[in-house]
Amino acid sequence: MEDVIEFRYDTQLLLDKYAGNGEDVDDLADDLVDEVRDHITNNFKGDSMVVAGDSGEDEFGEKATVKLHFHTNEPWLVLEYCRSLGEIYDIVVEDMDRQSRGLKG
């Protein structure tokens, strides 16, 4: 009997949110991790969620960066939500059902 994958899409991304004037970037990173974790837990079905954050700086200013890993059947909704918070990039959506059948995911 084949294993059934309940949540088919392994969804991964990075999210950057830049700090406003006087905003503490470490607090921003902590708050963003909490916000993403809580919103996804309360609004999307899935499992195997990992949300991690850090603060940093680039040529555009201080920023919080969040790494998200989440298994879901509706990755487009997760991407849409995360995009509403800041810039998303390094997006990976892999079909684990296809991978389990030996196909490119």
Protein backbone atom coordinates (compact mmCIF):
# COMPACT_ATOMS: atom_id res chain seq x y z
CA MET A 1 0.00 0.00 0.00
CA GLU A 2 1.33 3.43 -0.97
CA ASP A 3 1.77 6.18 1.59
CA VAL A 4 -0.67 9.03 1.07
CA ILE A 5 0.84 12.49 1.33
CA GLU A 6 -1.74 14.63 3.11
CA PHE A 7 -0.05 17.95 2.36
CA ARG A 8 1.46 17.69 -1.08
CA TYR A 9 3.56 20.82 -1.63
CA ASP A 10 6.81 21.54 0.21
CA THR A 11 6.75 25.35 0.18
CA GLN A 12 9.89 27.32 1.05
CA LEU A 13 10.75 30.99 0.79
CA LEU A 14 12.67 33.89 2.23
CA LEU A 15 10.85 37.07 3.25
CA ASP A 16 12.48 40.47 3.81
CA LYS A 17 10.78 43.31 5.65
CA TYR A 18 12.65 46.59 6.06
CA ALA A 19 12.61 48.48 9.34
CA GLY A 20 10.93 51.85 9.54
CA ASN A 21 12.50 54.93 11.10
CA GLY A 22 13.54 54.17 14.65
CA GLU A 23 12.19 50.62 14.52
CA ASP A 24 14.39 48.06 16.26
CA VAL A 25 15.29 45.48 13.61
CA ASP A 26 15.75 42.65 16.13
CA ASP A 27 12.24 43.25 17.50
CA LEU A 28 10.95 43.43 13.93
CA ALA A 29 12.47 40.02 13.16
CA ASP A 30 11.00 38.45 16.31
CA ASP A 31 7.57 39.97 15.66
CA LEU A 32 7.61 38.89 12.01
CA VAL A 33 8.41 35.28 12.92
CA ASP A 34 5.53 35.27 15.41
CA GLU A 35 3.15 36.91 12.94
CA VAL A 36 3.95 34.48 10.12
CA ARG A 37 3.79 31.41 12.37
CA ASP A 38 0.51 32.47 14.01
CA HIS A 39 -1.20 33.49 10.77
CA ILE A 40 -0.25 30.31 8.93
CA THR A 41 -1.22 28.10 11.88
CA ASN A 42 -4.61 29.81 12.19
CA ASN A 43 -5.45 30.19 8.49
CA PHE A 44 -3.85 27.42 6.42
CA LYS A 45 -3.97 23.65 6.60
CA GLY A 46 -0.58 21.97 6.54
CA ASP A 47 2.24 20.47 8.57
CA SER A 48 6.02 20.41 9.02
CA MET A 49 6.23 24.17 9.51
CA VAL A 50 9.53 25.83 10.36
CA VAL A 51 9.73 29.62 10.68
CA ALA A 52 13.07 31.21 11.56
CA GLY A 53 14.14 34.82 11.53
CA ASP A 54 17.17 37.04 11.76
CA SER A 55 18.04 40.70 11.40
CA GLY A 56 20.54 42.22 9.05
CA GLU A 57 21.31 45.05 6.72
CA ASP A 58 21.84 45.52 3.02
CA GLU A 59 22.28 48.53 0.74
CA PHE A 60 18.58 49.40 1.23
CA GLY A 61 18.65 49.46 5.03
CA GLU A 62 18.09 47.34 8.11
CA LYS A 63 15.76 44.43 7.63
CA ALA A 64 14.23 41.35 9.16
CA THR A 65 14.57 38.14 7.16
CA VAL A 66 12.29 35.17 7.72
CA LYS A 67 12.81 31.67 6.33
CA LEU A 68 9.61 29.66 5.94
CA HIS A 69 9.25 25.93 5.30
CA PHE A 70 5.69 24.57 5.21
CA HIS A 71 3.88 21.58 3.69
CA THR A 72 0.45 22.55 2.31
CA ASN A 73 -1.96 21.84 -0.53
CA GLU A 74 -2.34 25.54 -1.38
CA PRO A 75 1.13 27.06 -1.65
CA TRP A 76 -0.16 29.99 -3.71
CA LEU A 77 -2.13 31.24 -0.69
CA VAL A 78 0.98 31.07 1.50
CA LEU A 79 2.97 32.99 -1.13
CA GLU A 80 0.22 35.60 -1.44
CA TYR A 81 0.09 36.10 2.32
CA CYS A 82 3.87 36.37 2.72
CA ARG A 83 4.08 38.82 -0.18
CA SER A 84 1.63 41.08 1.70
CA LEU A 85 4.25 41.40 4.48
CA GLY A 86 7.33 42.24 2.40
CA GLU A 87 9.54 41.00 -0.42
CA ILE A 88 9.63 37.25 -1.06
CA TYR A 89 12.39 35.43 -2.93
CA ASP A 90 14.24 32.11 -3.19
CA ILE A 91 10.81 30.54 -3.60
CA VAL A 92 10.69 26.75 -3.91
CA VAL A 93 7.50 24.72 -4.29
CA GLU A 94 8.09 21.01 -4.69
CA ASP A 95 5.40 18.42 -5.34
CA MET A 96 6.19 15.66 -2.84
CA ASP A 97 3.59 13.32 -4.37
CA ARG A 98 5.43 13.41 -7.70
CA GLN A 99 8.75 12.92 -5.91
CA SER A 100 7.41 9.86 -4.07
CA ARG A 101 6.56 8.36 -7.47
CA GLY A 102 10.13 8.93 -8.71
CA LEU A 103 9.21 11.94 -10.85
CA LYS A 104 10.75 15.41 -10.82
CA GLY A 105 9.00 17.38 -8.08
